[in-house]
């Protein structure tokens, strides 16, 4: 196959079979119009919430976060209620609307152009594919950087590791299987970065499209199988990559199947004045610089030098990290004996490395089915609780060491900041702020914690917690007969904790929004 992107070929002859002069068939004209209208709907950020977030941009960090659209801002016209609308075929309802609109618009366009002398759209096809390529590059680089560092799928927390298998949603089991293997997650991120980089260059578009098609098609199926909720976005990227690859299929068919000689031809703009050429190549170079070194550094900086992330970063009370059994529990002055059936008596509790306290009771708690997106505020970081049932209450807390006080809030309730940012969210309807609970804590002896205060219902409680010594291992070496197990590594965080006074983004992460 010969490279015919050069100017000599583009300006060549008036041969009857010159691809630049050859008219498209009627079917090709209609299909292109449909493709163009579909790509416009996918790429353009038409949702009002997206532009509301645009008004909040303060610096390059905010701009990078804005470029990565929220799930509700990705190709979404309608949301179907129920499991099908979240995990199944109903989640593709917006696809049906967009494809229907593109087909209808394409037919109307064809009818309006019925008397036009235009018989090809080489230029518009080129620019449409260019926008498509950079849209795919942006999306893949964003997801690739999150996995490559890695930050998208953190290790499970202490409470997560003590949740029964049947009380864990399928998507969290899948995320754990990826998140536990650090270098596998890094490899996935590397492949996504490769796919994104290949989209930036016209000469590597075909192989990049194959990489993205296969990889994102697999991710879409994984999300179907494990109820991951990202099947629409991954399938959309796979579809757009397939559209890009379609341009190369006829030549590949002739070359590989029919064994014919092929001289490929693809339109590339020819600039008749210098300023257009300078503008084109200058913009392209600026885009490469932004998407590769700049975007990559900002993503790294967000994850490691700010409070941005899925994991809380403000440390908890020193010396409390661990899993506890509740040896004594008093409610309204009455001591309640242990019972796995009691809806009010705590069964177990855990202090995480970060400022999260979790206790378990035999009572149904709301189960979050979202993906636990990145945010700056620790109280709004809910990845640790997304997809977990089992009657566990997750509480964010700040503390006063001098007075031995805890100030706790229910992490399952939206903050005022979230309520204002996403007023249409289902969880925001009938919103009430989380109560701030004030508890006193003491350390009667090593490995023991006593908590006392009032719960959300105004009931006085007191709980004695006893630390359970345990080792949770990622990898255990095969032991020599007669020798004890060797724990190679234990579960912990990839991203280190920050100082409690760390100013992640204009305010203490421990304090956070109201």
Foldseek 3Di string as FASTA:
>chain_A
DDDQADPPLVPDDPDPPNVVPDFDDPVVQLVVQLVLQLLCLQQDQPDPLLVVQVVVDDDPLSVLVSLADDPCRGLDDDADDDLCSQQNPVVCVSVVVSSVVSNVRSVVVCVVCVVPPHRDDQPVVVVSLLSLLLNLLSNLLVQLLCQQVDFQQWAAWQVRVPFDPVQFALLNVVSNVQRLPNVSSNVVSVLSNVLSVLSLDPVSLQVSLVSLLVVLVVVLVVCNVRVQRCNVVSVVSNVSSVVSNVLCVVVCCCCPPVVDDDDDDGDDDDDPDVVVVCVVVVVSVVSVCCSPPVSSVSSVCLVAVFLKGLAGFEFADPQFAAKWAWCWKAWQNRIDDDDQQAQPDWGIWGCTRHQKIKTAHNHWDDAAQDCQHIDRANLQNCNNRHRGTRRMWIWGWDADVVQQKIWIWGSVADFPVVCVSCVPDPSNVVHDGTDTWIWHWDDPDRQKIKIWGADPVRMTMITIIGGDDDFAASDWDDDDPPDDIDRPDGDDTPHHHDYQQDHRDNHGSSVGGD
